[in-house]
Amino acid sequence: GCPGGSRWVGGGPADPVPPAAPPALLFLPDGCAVPLALEPPPGPTAAELLRRLQGALRLPPVATEALALWLSSPLLEVQLKPRHRPLRLARQWPELLLRFSTGSAGDIARGE
């Protein structure tokens, strides 16, 4: 199974998920997904999500120095800096595609 993939991650592994917190799935390179509870926008920073992931996977705190979060689609991959807010960037994704991808306007409009 996937380590940490069967529990929600809030402030810590034992914290219940607030009913209003929408879940997001953080995918690991091996294809496993770790569900994360996200606060309403602007949401947590990438650094905070990495700390939650580190806790969920029971990795030592130093592990966050070797991990990175990415937002990706077939047209664009963006490595997040610690200060970035993934929810904010996800909302801006169409503009980022127009600015930085080489996809056609049709591909971008279809969200590919």
PDB file of N, CA and C in Angstrom:
ATOM      1  N   GLY A   1       0.813  -1.190   0.000  1.00  0.00           N
ATOM      2  CA  GLY A   1       0.000   0.000   0.000  1.00  0.00           C
ATOM      3  C   GLY A   1       0.854   1.249   0.000  1.00  0.00           C
ATOM      4  N   CYS A   2       0.185   2.325  -0.049  1.00  0.00           N
ATOM      5  CA  CYS A   2       0.847   3.628  -0.055  1.00  0.00           C
ATOM      6  C   CYS A   2       1.007   4.130   1.368  1.00  0.00           C
ATOM      7  N   PRO A   3       2.230   4.482   1.770  1.00  0.00           N
ATOM      8  CA  PRO A   3       2.408   5.009   3.119  1.00  0.00           C
ATOM      9  C   PRO A   3       1.699   6.350   3.249  1.00  0.00           C
ATOM     10  N   GLY A   4       0.885   6.484   4.290  1.00  0.00           N
ATOM     11  CA  GLY A   4       0.198   7.748   4.531  1.00  0.00           C
ATOM     12  C   GLY A   4      -0.967   7.995   3.595  1.00  0.00           C
ATOM     13  N   GLY A   5      -1.199   7.119   2.642  1.00  0.00           N
ATOM     14  CA  GLY A   5      -2.229   7.358   1.652  1.00  0.00           C
ATOM     15  C   GLY A   5      -3.640   7.086   2.125  1.00  0.00           C
ATOM     16  N   SER A   6      -3.794   6.523   3.312  1.00  0.00           N
ATOM     17  CA  SER A   6      -5.134   6.209   3.760  1.00  0.00           C
ATOM     18  C   SER A   6      -5.609   7.128   4.871  1.00  0.00           C
ATOM     19  N   ARG A   7      -4.848   8.153   5.208  1.00  0.00           N
ATOM     20  CA  ARG A   7      -5.297   9.051   6.265  1.00  0.00           C
ATOM     21  C   ARG A   7      -5.238  10.497   5.786  1.00  0.00           C
ATOM     22  N   TRP A   8      -6.115  11.285   6.351  1.00  0.00           N
ATOM     23  CA  TRP A   8      -6.132  12.715   6.049  1.00  0.00           C
ATOM     24  C   TRP A   8      -5.019  13.392   6.817  1.00  0.00           C
ATOM     25  N   VAL A   9      -4.481  14.450   6.253  1.00  0.00           N
ATOM     26  CA  VAL A   9      -3.424  15.187   6.923  1.00  0.00           C
ATOM     27  C   VAL A   9      -3.927  16.599   7.171  1.00  0.00           C
ATOM     28  N   GLY A  10      -4.087  16.938   8.431  1.00  0.00           N
ATOM     29  CA  GLY A  10      -4.473  18.302   8.805  1.00  0.00           C
ATOM     30  C   GLY A  10      -3.262  18.928   9.451  1.00  0.00           C
ATOM     31  N   GLY A  11      -3.402  19.389  10.690  1.00  0.00           N
ATOM     32  CA  GLY A  11      -2.252  19.922  11.411  1.00  0.00           C
ATOM     33  C   GLY A  11      -1.313  18.800  11.823  1.00  0.00           C
ATOM     34  N   GLY A  12      -1.817  17.598  11.909  1.00  0.00           N
ATOM     35  CA  GLY A  12      -1.032  16.421  12.271  1.00  0.00           C
ATOM     36  C   GLY A  12      -1.829  15.188  11.918  1.00  0.00           C
ATOM     37  N   PRO A  13      -1.209  14.012  11.904  1.00  0.00           N
ATOM     38  CA  PRO A  13      -1.888  12.802  11.466  1.00  0.00           C
ATOM     39  C   PRO A  13      -3.152  12.469  12.257  1.00  0.00           C
ATOM     40  N   ALA A  14      -3.236  12.865  13.535  1.00  0.00           N
ATOM     41  CA  ALA A  14      -4.398  12.510  14.334  1.00  0.00           C
ATOM     42  C   ALA A  14      -5.501  13.560  14.273  1.00  0.00           C
ATOM     43  N   ASP A  15      -5.245  14.717  13.675  1.00  0.00           N
ATOM     44  CA  ASP A  15      -6.247  15.783  13.622  1.00  0.00           C
ATOM     45  C   ASP A  15      -7.386  15.399  12.695  1.00  0.00           C
ATOM     46  N   PRO A  16      -8.635  15.627  13.142  1.00  0.00           N
ATOM     47  CA  PRO A  16      -9.747  15.360  12.231  1.00  0.00           C
ATOM     48  C   PRO A  16      -9.785  16.414  11.131  1.00  0.00           C
ATOM     49  N   VAL A  17     -10.374  16.053  10.014  1.00  0.00           N
ATOM     50  CA  VAL A  17     -10.504  16.992   8.908  1.00  0.00           C
ATOM     51  C   VAL A  17     -11.728  17.856   9.167  1.00  0.00           C
ATOM     52  N   PRO A  18     -11.580  19.178   9.136  1.00  0.00           N
ATOM     53  CA  PRO A  18     -12.760  20.021   9.289  1.00  0.00           C
ATOM     54  C   PRO A  18     -13.726  19.743   8.142  1.00  0.00           C
ATOM     55  N   PRO A  19     -15.046  19.726   8.416  1.00  0.00           N
ATOM     56  CA  PRO A  19     -15.998  19.391   7.365  1.00  0.00           C
ATOM     57  C   PRO A  19     -15.911  20.303   6.145  1.00  0.00           C
ATOM     58  N   ALA A  20     -15.519  21.575   6.330  1.00  0.00           N
ATOM     59  CA  ALA A  20     -15.470  22.508   5.210  1.00  0.00           C
ATOM     60  C   ALA A  20     -14.148  22.443   4.444  1.00  0.00           C
ATOM     61  N   ALA A  21     -13.197  21.667   4.933  1.00  0.00           N
ATOM     62  CA  ALA A  21     -11.889  21.620   4.279  1.00  0.00           C
ATOM     63  C   ALA A  21     -11.940  20.703   3.058  1.00  0.00           C
ATOM     64  N   PRO A  22     -11.770  21.272   1.864  1.00  0.00           N
ATOM     65  CA  PRO A  22     -11.801  20.403   0.680  1.00  0.00           C
ATOM     66  C   PRO A  22     -10.534  19.574   0.592  1.00  0.00           C
ATOM     67  N   PRO A  23     -10.663  18.305   0.257  1.00  0.00           N
ATOM     68  CA  PRO A  23      -9.465  17.489   0.144  1.00  0.00           C
ATOM     69  C   PRO A  23      -8.741  17.739  -1.170  1.00  0.00           C
ATOM     70  N   ALA A  24      -7.457  17.590  -1.113  1.00  0.00           N
ATOM     71  CA  ALA A  24      -6.627  17.622  -2.315  1.00  0.00           C
ATOM     72  C   ALA A  24      -5.759  16.375  -2.248  1.00  0.00           C
ATOM     73  N   LEU A  25      -5.367  15.874  -3.388  1.00  0.00           N
ATOM     74  CA  LEU A  25      -4.495  14.708  -3.413  1.00  0.00           C
ATOM     75  C   LEU A  25      -3.108  15.135  -3.840  1.00  0.00           C
ATOM     76  N   LEU A  26      -2.135  14.797  -3.034  1.00  0.00           N
ATOM     77  CA  LEU A  26      -0.739  15.067  -3.350  1.00  0.00           C
ATOM     78  C   LEU A  26      -0.161  13.746  -3.851  1.00  0.00           C
ATOM     79  N   PHE A  27       0.241  13.717  -5.120  1.00  0.00           N
ATOM     80  CA  PHE A  27       0.739  12.483  -5.721  1.00  0.00           C
ATOM     81  C   PHE A  27       2.238  12.369  -5.560  1.00  0.00           C
ATOM     82  N   LEU A  28       2.667  11.200  -5.124  1.00  0.00           N
ATOM     83  CA  LEU A  28       4.082  10.903  -4.959  1.00  0.00           C
ATOM     84  C   LEU A  28       4.619  10.349  -6.280  1.00  0.00           C
ATOM     85  N   PRO A  29       5.934  10.356  -6.471  1.00  0.00           N
ATOM     86  CA  PRO A  29       6.496   9.859  -7.736  1.00  0.00           C
ATOM     87  C   PRO A  29       6.097   8.422  -8.076  1.00  0.00           C
ATOM     88  N   ASP A  30       5.812   7.598  -7.069  1.00  0.00           N
ATOM     89  CA  ASP A  30       5.446   6.202  -7.341  1.00  0.00           C
ATOM     90  C   ASP A  30       3.962   6.039  -7.677  1.00  0.00           C
ATOM     91  N   GLY A  31       3.211   7.151  -7.739  1.00  0.00           N
ATOM     92  CA  GLY A  31       1.802   7.096  -8.092  1.00  0.00           C
ATOM     93  C   GLY A  31       0.857   7.053  -6.907  1.00  0.00           C
ATOM     94  N   CYS A  32       1.374   6.848  -5.715  1.00  0.00           N
ATOM     95  CA  CYS A  32       0.527   6.874  -4.526  1.00  0.00           C
ATOM     96  C   CYS A  32       0.057   8.306  -4.284  1.00  0.00           C
ATOM     97  N   ALA A  33      -1.124   8.432  -3.694  1.00  0.00           N
ATOM     98  CA  ALA A  33      -1.672   9.750  -3.401  1.00  0.00           C
ATOM     99  C   ALA A  33      -1.903   9.895  -1.907  1.00  0.00           C
ATOM    100  N   VAL A  34      -1.545  11.046  -1.370  1.00  0.00           N
ATOM    101  CA  VAL A  34      -1.767  11.366   0.032  1.00  0.00           C
ATOM    102  C   VAL A  34      -2.824  12.463   0.071  1.00  0.00           C
ATOM    103  N   PRO A  35      -4.001  12.197   0.685  1.00  0.00           N
ATOM    104  CA  PRO A  35      -5.021  13.238   0.775  1.00  0.00           C
ATOM    105  C   PRO A  35      -4.619  14.282   1.806  1.00  0.00           C
ATOM    106  N   LEU A  36      -4.812  15.546   1.461  1.00  0.00           N
ATOM    107  CA  LEU A  36      -4.491  16.649   2.360  1.00  0.00           C
ATOM    108  C   LEU A  36      -5.715  17.525   2.549  1.00  0.00           C
ATOM    109  N   ALA A  37      -5.948  17.957   3.764  1.00  0.00           N
ATOM    110  CA  ALA A  37      -7.008  18.918   4.036  1.00  0.00           C
ATOM    111  C   ALA A  37      -6.448  20.306   3.769  1.00  0.00           C
ATOM    112  N   LEU A  38      -7.158  21.083   2.974  1.00  0.00           N
ATOM    113  CA  LEU A  38      -6.698  22.429   2.648  1.00  0.00           C
ATOM    114  C   LEU A  38      -7.657  23.459   3.210  1.00  0.00           C
ATOM    115  N   GLU A  39      -7.102  24.486   3.813  1.00  0.00           N
ATOM    116  CA  GLU A  39      -7.906  25.584   4.293  1.00  0.00           C
ATOM    117  C   GLU A  39      -8.415  26.376   3.092  1.00  0.00           C
ATOM    118  N   PRO A  40      -9.444  27.188   3.301  1.00  0.00           N
ATOM    119  CA  PRO A  40      -9.949  28.016   2.195  1.00  0.00           C
ATOM    120  C   PRO A  40      -8.847  28.919   1.641  1.00  0.00           C
ATOM    121  N   PRO A  41      -8.999  29.362   0.396  1.00  0.00           N
ATOM    122  CA  PRO A  41      -7.990  30.239  -0.221  1.00  0.00           C
ATOM    123  C   PRO A  41      -7.691  31.437   0.665  1.00  0.00           C
ATOM    124  N   PRO A  42      -6.434  31.827   0.730  1.00  0.00           N
ATOM    125  CA  PRO A  42      -5.362  31.437  -0.168  1.00  0.00           C
ATOM    126  C   PRO A  42      -4.739  30.084   0.151  1.00  0.00           C
ATOM    127  N   GLY A  43      -5.134  29.446   1.263  1.00  0.00           N
ATOM    128  CA  GLY A  43      -4.640  28.114   1.585  1.00  0.00           C
ATOM    129  C   GLY A  43      -3.214  28.118   2.102  1.00  0.00           C
ATOM    130  N   PRO A  44      -2.711  26.929   2.415  1.00  0.00           N
ATOM    131  CA  PRO A  44      -1.363  26.807   2.962  1.00  0.00           C
ATOM    132  C   PRO A  44      -0.292  27.078   1.905  1.00  0.00           C
ATOM    133  N   THR A  45       0.877  27.401   2.393  1.00  0.00           N
ATOM    134  CA  THR A  45       2.025  27.573   1.498  1.00  0.00           C
ATOM    135  C   THR A  45       2.570  26.200   1.122  1.00  0.00           C
ATOM    136  N   ALA A  46       3.416  26.175   0.114  1.00  0.00           N
ATOM    137  CA  ALA A  46       4.068  24.925  -0.285  1.00  0.00           C
ATOM    138  C   ALA A  46       4.900  24.379   0.873  1.00  0.00           C
ATOM    139  N   ALA A  47       5.554  25.264   1.631  1.00  0.00           N
ATOM    140  CA  ALA A  47       6.366  24.814   2.773  1.00  0.00           C
ATOM    141  C   ALA A  47       5.496  24.106   3.808  1.00  0.00           C
ATOM    142  N   GLU A  48       4.307  24.649   4.073  1.00  0.00           N
ATOM    143  CA  GLU A  48       3.411  24.018   5.033  1.00  0.00           C
ATOM    144  C   GLU A  48       2.924  22.664   4.517  1.00  0.00           C
ATOM    145  N   LEU A  49       2.597  22.570   3.249  1.00  0.00           N
ATOM    146  CA  LEU A  49       2.179  21.280   2.698  1.00  0.00           C
ATOM    147  C   LEU A  49       3.299  20.247   2.773  1.00  0.00           C
ATOM    148  N   LEU A  50       4.530  20.676   2.557  1.00  0.00           N
ATOM    149  CA  LEU A  50       5.658  19.741   2.687  1.00  0.00           C
ATOM    150  C   LEU A  50       5.809  19.258   4.124  1.00  0.00           C
ATOM    151  N   ARG A  51       5.584  20.156   5.094  1.00  0.00           N
ATOM    152  CA  ARG A  51       5.652  19.730   6.501  1.00  0.00           C
ATOM    153  C   ARG A  51       4.557  18.714   6.804  1.00  0.00           C
ATOM    154  N   ARG A  52       3.363  18.929   6.257  1.00  0.00           N
ATOM    155  CA  ARG A  52       2.268  17.976   6.462  1.00  0.00           C
ATOM    156  C   ARG A  52       2.592  16.630   5.817  1.00  0.00           C
ATOM    157  N   LEU A  53       3.156  16.664   4.645  1.00  0.00           N
ATOM    158  CA  LEU A  53       3.545  15.429   3.970  1.00  0.00           C
ATOM    159  C   LEU A  53       4.617  14.697   4.772  1.00  0.00           C
ATOM    160  N   GLN A  54       5.590  15.442   5.255  1.00  0.00           N
ATOM    161  CA  GLN A  54       6.658  14.849   6.065  1.00  0.00           C
ATOM    162  C   GLN A  54       6.061  14.136   7.279  1.00  0.00           C
ATOM    163  N   GLY A  55       5.087  14.767   7.929  1.00  0.00           N
ATOM    164  CA  GLY A  55       4.436  14.149   9.081  1.00  0.00           C
ATOM    165  C   GLY A  55       3.621  12.927   8.698  1.00  0.00           C
ATOM    166  N   ALA A  56       2.893  13.021   7.594  1.00  0.00           N
ATOM    167  CA  ALA A  56       2.042  11.911   7.161  1.00  0.00           C
ATOM    168  C   ALA A  56       2.862  10.681   6.799  1.00  0.00           C
ATOM    169  N   LEU A  57       4.018  10.899   6.208  1.00  0.00           N
ATOM    170  CA  LEU A  57       4.871   9.782   5.802  1.00  0.00           C
ATOM    171  C   LEU A  57       5.859   9.377   6.888  1.00  0.00           C
ATOM    172  N   ARG A  58       5.793  10.078   8.013  1.00  0.00           N
ATOM    173  CA  ARG A  58       6.672   9.807   9.160  1.00  0.00           C
ATOM    174  C   ARG A  58       8.145   9.890   8.771  1.00  0.00           C
ATOM    175  N   LEU A  59       8.458  10.926   8.025  1.00  0.00           N
ATOM    176  CA  LEU A  59       9.843  11.176   7.625  1.00  0.00           C
ATOM    177  C   LEU A  59      10.489  12.108   8.642  1.00  0.00           C
ATOM    178  N   PRO A  60      11.798  12.075   8.767  1.00  0.00           N
ATOM    179  CA  PRO A  60      12.451  13.016   9.687  1.00  0.00           C
ATOM    180  C   PRO A  60      12.266  14.448   9.167  1.00  0.00           C
ATOM    181  N   PRO A  61      12.259  15.438  10.056  1.00  0.00           N
ATOM    182  CA  PRO A  61      12.055  16.829   9.635  1.00  0.00           C
ATOM    183  C   PRO A  61      13.005  17.293   8.535  1.00  0.00           C
ATOM    184  N   VAL A  62      14.220  16.784   8.508  1.00  0.00           N
ATOM    185  CA  VAL A  62      15.188  17.192   7.491  1.00  0.00           C
ATOM    186  C   VAL A  62      14.734  16.787   6.088  1.00  0.00           C
ATOM    187  N   ALA A  63      13.794  15.855   5.991  1.00  0.00           N
ATOM    188  CA  ALA A  63      13.327  15.394   4.682  1.00  0.00           C
ATOM    189  C   ALA A  63      12.713  16.520   3.860  1.00  0.00           C
ATOM    190  N   THR A  64      12.126  17.513   4.521  1.00  0.00           N
ATOM    191  CA  THR A  64      11.503  18.606   3.763  1.00  0.00           C
ATOM    192  C   THR A  64      12.531  19.376   2.936  1.00  0.00           C
ATOM    193  N   GLU A  65      13.811  19.283   3.300  1.00  0.00           N
ATOM    194  CA  GLU A  65      14.854  19.956   2.522  1.00  0.00           C
ATOM    195  C   GLU A  65      15.121  19.239   1.200  1.00  0.00           C
ATOM    196  N   ALA A  66      14.716  17.974   1.093  1.00  0.00           N
ATOM    197  CA  ALA A  66      14.968  17.200  -0.117  1.00  0.00           C
ATOM    198  C   ALA A  66      13.703  17.021  -0.962  1.00  0.00           C
ATOM    199  N   LEU A  67      12.565  17.516  -0.480  1.00  0.00           N
ATOM    200  CA  LEU A  67      11.302  17.349  -1.186  1.00  0.00           C
ATOM    201  C   LEU A  67      10.916  18.641  -1.902  1.00  0.00           C
ATOM    202  N   ALA A  68      10.108  18.502  -2.929  1.00  0.00           N
ATOM    203  CA  ALA A  68       9.592  19.665  -3.646  1.00  0.00           C
ATOM    204  C   ALA A  68       8.164  19.366  -4.085  1.00  0.00           C
ATOM    205  N   LEU A  69       7.369  20.412  -4.181  1.00  0.00           N
ATOM    206  CA  LEU A  69       6.019  20.293  -4.717  1.00  0.00           C
ATOM    207  C   LEU A  69       5.992  20.865  -6.126  1.00  0.00           C
ATOM    208  N   TRP A  70       5.224  20.211  -6.990  1.00  0.00           N
ATOM    209  CA  TRP A  70       5.074  20.640  -8.373  1.00  0.00           C
ATOM    210  C   TRP A  70       3.600  20.708  -8.705  1.00  0.00           C
ATOM    211  N   LEU A  71       3.205  21.686  -9.500  1.00  0.00           N
ATOM    212  CA  LEU A  71       1.906  21.690 -10.161  1.00  0.00           C
ATOM    213  C   LEU A  71       2.206  21.314 -11.598  1.00  0.00           C
ATOM    214  N   SER A  72       1.458  20.359 -12.131  1.00  0.00           N
ATOM    215  CA  SER A  72       1.783  19.936 -13.492  1.00  0.00           C
ATOM    216  C   SER A  72       0.538  19.572 -14.276  1.00  0.00           C
ATOM    217  N   SER A  73       0.679  19.704 -15.566  1.00  0.00           N
ATOM    218  CA  SER A  73      -0.327  19.290 -16.535  1.00  0.00           C
ATOM    219  C   SER A  73       0.457  18.855 -17.770  1.00  0.00           C
ATOM    220  N   PRO A  74      -0.212  18.328 -18.776  1.00  0.00           N
ATOM    221  CA  PRO A  74       0.528  17.957 -19.987  1.00  0.00           C
ATOM    222  C   PRO A  74       1.224  19.142 -20.665  1.00  0.00           C
ATOM    223  N   LEU A  75       0.762  20.366 -20.388  1.00  0.00           N
ATOM    224  CA  LEU A  75       1.327  21.539 -21.054  1.00  0.00           C
ATOM    225  C   LEU A  75       2.364  22.296 -20.238  1.00  0.00           C
ATOM    226  N   LEU A  76       2.383  22.086 -18.919  1.00  0.00           N
ATOM    227  CA  LEU A  76       3.272  22.897 -18.080  1.00  0.00           C
ATOM    228  C   LEU A  76       3.539  22.201 -16.754  1.00  0.00           C
ATOM    229  N   GLU A  77       4.773  22.316 -16.279  1.00  0.00           N
ATOM    230  CA  GLU A  77       5.160  21.835 -14.945  1.00  0.00           C
ATOM    231  C   GLU A  77       5.836  22.992 -14.231  1.00  0.00           C
ATOM    232  N   VAL A  78       5.393  23.252 -12.999  1.00  0.00           N
ATOM    233  CA  VAL A  78       5.936  24.367 -12.225  1.00  0.00           C
ATOM    234  C   VAL A  78       6.368  23.846 -10.860  1.00  0.00           C
ATOM    235  N   GLN A  79       7.652  24.030 -10.522  1.00  0.00           N
ATOM    236  CA  GLN A  79       8.135  23.668  -9.186  1.00  0.00           C
ATOM    237  C   GLN A  79       7.827  24.834  -8.256  1.00  0.00           C
ATOM    238  N   LEU A  80       7.180  24.531  -7.141  1.00  0.00           N
ATOM    239  CA  LEU A  80       6.762  25.572  -6.220  1.00  0.00           C
ATOM    240  C   LEU A  80       7.878  25.952  -5.261  1.00  0.00           C
ATOM    241  N   LYS A  81       8.005  27.245  -5.035  1.00  0.00           N
ATOM    242  CA  LYS A  81       8.911  27.751  -4.008  1.00  0.00           C
ATOM    243  C   LYS A  81       8.184  27.654  -2.677  1.00  0.00           C
ATOM    244  N   PRO A  82       8.918  27.634  -1.553  1.00  0.00           N
ATOM    245  CA  PRO A  82       8.260  27.485  -0.243  1.00  0.00           C
ATOM    246  C   PRO A  82       7.153  28.506   0.012  1.00  0.00           C
ATOM    247  N   ARG A  83       7.298  29.717  -0.484  1.00  0.00           N
ATOM    248  CA  ARG A  83       6.310  30.773  -0.222  1.00  0.00           C
ATOM    249  C   ARG A  83       5.072  30.693  -1.123  1.00  0.00           C
ATOM    250  N   HIS A  84       5.143  29.914  -2.211  1.00  0.00           N
ATOM    251  CA  HIS A  84       4.009  29.805  -3.126  1.00  0.00           C
ATOM    252  C   HIS A  84       2.805  29.181  -2.438  1.00  0.00           C
ATOM    253  N   ARG A  85       1.639  29.594  -2.880  1.00  0.00           N
ATOM    254  CA  ARG A  85       0.380  29.039  -2.380  1.00  0.00           C
ATOM    255  C   ARG A  85      -0.260  28.242  -3.521  1.00  0.00           C
ATOM    256  N   PRO A  86      -0.232  26.910  -3.428  1.00  0.00           N
ATOM    257  CA  PRO A  86      -0.736  26.072  -4.515  1.00  0.00           C
ATOM    258  C   PRO A  86      -2.162  26.391  -4.954  1.00  0.00           C
ATOM    259  N   LEU A  87      -3.059  26.698  -4.003  1.00  0.00           N
ATOM    260  CA  LEU A  87      -4.437  27.004  -4.402  1.00  0.00           C
ATOM    261  C   LEU A  87      -4.500  28.263  -5.257  1.00  0.00           C
ATOM    262  N   ARG A  88      -3.714  29.255  -4.901  1.00  0.00           N
ATOM    263  CA  ARG A  88      -3.682  30.495  -5.675  1.00  0.00           C
ATOM    264  C   ARG A  88      -3.149  30.218  -7.085  1.00  0.00           C
ATOM    265  N   LEU A  89      -2.072  29.443  -7.166  1.00  0.00           N
ATOM    266  CA  LEU A  89      -1.504  29.130  -8.480  1.00  0.00           C
ATOM    267  C   LEU A  89      -2.454  28.271  -9.316  1.00  0.00           C
ATOM    268  N   ALA A  90      -3.182  27.375  -8.678  1.00  0.00           N
ATOM    269  CA  ALA A  90      -4.144  26.553  -9.423  1.00  0.00           C
ATOM    270  C   ALA A  90      -5.230  27.430 -10.038  1.00  0.00           C
ATOM    271  N   ARG A  91      -5.651  28.442  -9.313  1.00  0.00           N
ATOM    272  CA  ARG A  91      -6.650  29.372  -9.856  1.00  0.00           C
ATOM    273  C   ARG A  91      -6.081  30.187 -11.010  1.00  0.00           C
ATOM    274  N   GLN A  92      -4.781  30.430 -10.988  1.00  0.00           N
ATOM    275  CA  GLN A  92      -4.131  31.217 -12.039  1.00  0.00           C
ATOM    276  C   GLN A  92      -3.613  30.331 -13.178  1.00  0.00           C
ATOM    277  N   TRP A  93      -3.883  29.028 -13.124  1.00  0.00           N
ATOM    278  CA  TRP A  93      -3.307  28.089 -14.085  1.00  0.00           C
ATOM    279  C   TRP A  93      -3.580  28.480 -15.537  1.00  0.00           C
ATOM    280  N   PRO A  94      -4.801  28.872 -15.914  1.00  0.00           N
ATOM    281  CA  PRO A  94      -5.019  29.260 -17.320  1.00  0.00           C
ATOM    282  C   PRO A  94      -4.095  30.403 -17.770  1.00  0.00           C
ATOM    283  N   GLU A  95      -3.886  31.384 -16.910  1.00  0.00           N
ATOM    284  CA  GLU A  95      -2.981  32.482 -17.268  1.00  0.00           C
ATOM    285  C   GLU A  95      -1.534  31.999 -17.371  1.00  0.00           C
ATOM    286  N   LEU A  96      -1.144  31.094 -16.472  1.00  0.00           N
ATOM    287  CA  LEU A  96       0.214  30.551 -16.522  1.00  0.00           C
ATOM    288  C   LEU A  96       0.424  29.745 -17.803  1.00  0.00           C
ATOM    289  N   LEU A  97      -0.594  28.998 -18.214  1.00  0.00           N
ATOM    290  CA  LEU A  97      -0.495  28.245 -19.467  1.00  0.00           C
ATOM    291  C   LEU A  97      -0.321  29.187 -20.654  1.00  0.00           C
ATOM    292  N   LEU A  98      -1.110  30.242 -20.687  1.00  0.00           N
ATOM    293  CA  LEU A  98      -0.997  31.203 -21.792  1.00  0.00           C
ATOM    294  C   LEU A  98       0.379  31.851 -21.835  1.00  0.00           C
ATOM    295  N   ARG A  99       0.919  32.143 -20.670  1.00  0.00           N
ATOM    296  CA  ARG A  99       2.193  32.863 -20.596  1.00  0.00           C
ATOM    297  C   ARG A  99       3.413  31.967 -20.821  1.00  0.00           C
ATOM    298  N   PHE A 100       3.384  30.744 -20.273  1.00  0.00           N
ATOM    299  CA  PHE A 100       4.610  29.945 -20.236  1.00  0.00           C
ATOM    300  C   PHE A 100       4.589  28.651 -21.045  1.00  0.00           C
ATOM    301  N   SER A 101       3.436  28.188 -21.496  1.00  0.00           N
ATOM    302  CA  SER A 101       3.427  26.930 -22.231  1.00  0.00           C
ATOM    303  C   SER A 101       3.527  27.194 -23.729  1.00  0.00           C
ATOM    304  N   THR A 102       3.824  26.138 -24.458  1.00  0.00           N
ATOM    305  CA  THR A 102       3.870  26.242 -25.915  1.00  0.00           C
ATOM    306  C   THR A 102       2.632  25.598 -26.532  1.00  0.00           C
ATOM    307  N   GLY A 103       1.625  25.307 -25.702  1.00  0.00           N
ATOM    308  CA  GLY A 103       0.400  24.697 -26.199  1.00  0.00           C
ATOM    309  C   GLY A 103      -0.403  25.664 -27.048  1.00  0.00           C
ATOM    310  N   SER A 104      -1.198  25.095 -27.924  1.00  0.00           N
ATOM    311  CA  SER A 104      -2.052  25.923 -28.766  1.00  0.00           C
ATOM    312  C   SER A 104      -3.193  26.511 -27.917  1.00  0.00           C
ATOM    313  N   ALA A 105      -3.806  27.543 -28.430  1.00  0.00           N
ATOM    314  CA  ALA A 105      -4.937  28.159 -27.723  1.00  0.00           C
ATOM    315  C   ALA A 105      -6.045  27.129 -27.494  1.00  0.00           C
ATOM    316  N   GLY A 106      -6.250  26.237 -28.467  1.00  0.00           N
ATOM    317  CA  GLY A 106      -7.266  25.186 -28.312  1.00  0.00           C
ATOM    318  C   GLY A 106      -6.930  24.220 -27.188  1.00  0.00           C
ATOM    319  N   ASP A 107      -5.670  23.808 -27.093  1.00  0.00           N
ATOM    320  CA  ASP A 107      -5.251  22.911 -26.023  1.00  0.00           C
ATOM    321  C   ASP A 107      -5.433  23.581 -24.663  1.00  0.00           C
ATOM    322  N   ILE A 108      -5.048  24.844 -24.592  1.00  0.00           N
ATOM    323  CA  ILE A 108      -5.166  25.582 -23.328  1.00  0.00           C
ATOM    324  C   ILE A 108      -6.636  25.728 -22.946  1.00  0.00           C
ATOM    325  N   ALA A 109      -7.502  26.036 -23.907  1.00  0.00           N
ATOM    326  CA  ALA A 109      -8.923  26.201 -23.642  1.00  0.00           C
ATOM    327  C   ALA A 109      -9.542  24.898 -23.154  1.00  0.00           C
ATOM    328  N   ARG A 110      -9.055  23.757 -23.631  1.00  0.00           N
ATOM    329  CA  ARG A 110      -9.563  22.451 -23.192  1.00  0.00           C
ATOM    330  C   ARG A 110      -8.962  22.022 -21.862  1.00  0.00           C
ATOM    331  N   GLY A 111      -8.023  22.804 -21.348  1.00  0.00           N
ATOM    332  CA  GLY A 111      -7.418  22.486 -20.074  1.00  0.00           C
ATOM    333  C   GLY A 111      -6.425  21.354 -20.111  1.00  0.00           C
ATOM    334  N   GLU A 112      -5.839  21.100 -21.268  1.00  0.00           N
ATOM    335  CA  GLU A 112      -4.881  19.999 -21.389  1.00  0.00           C
ATOM    336  C   GLU A 112      -3.495  20.434 -20.997  1.00  0.00           C
TER     337      GLU A 112
END
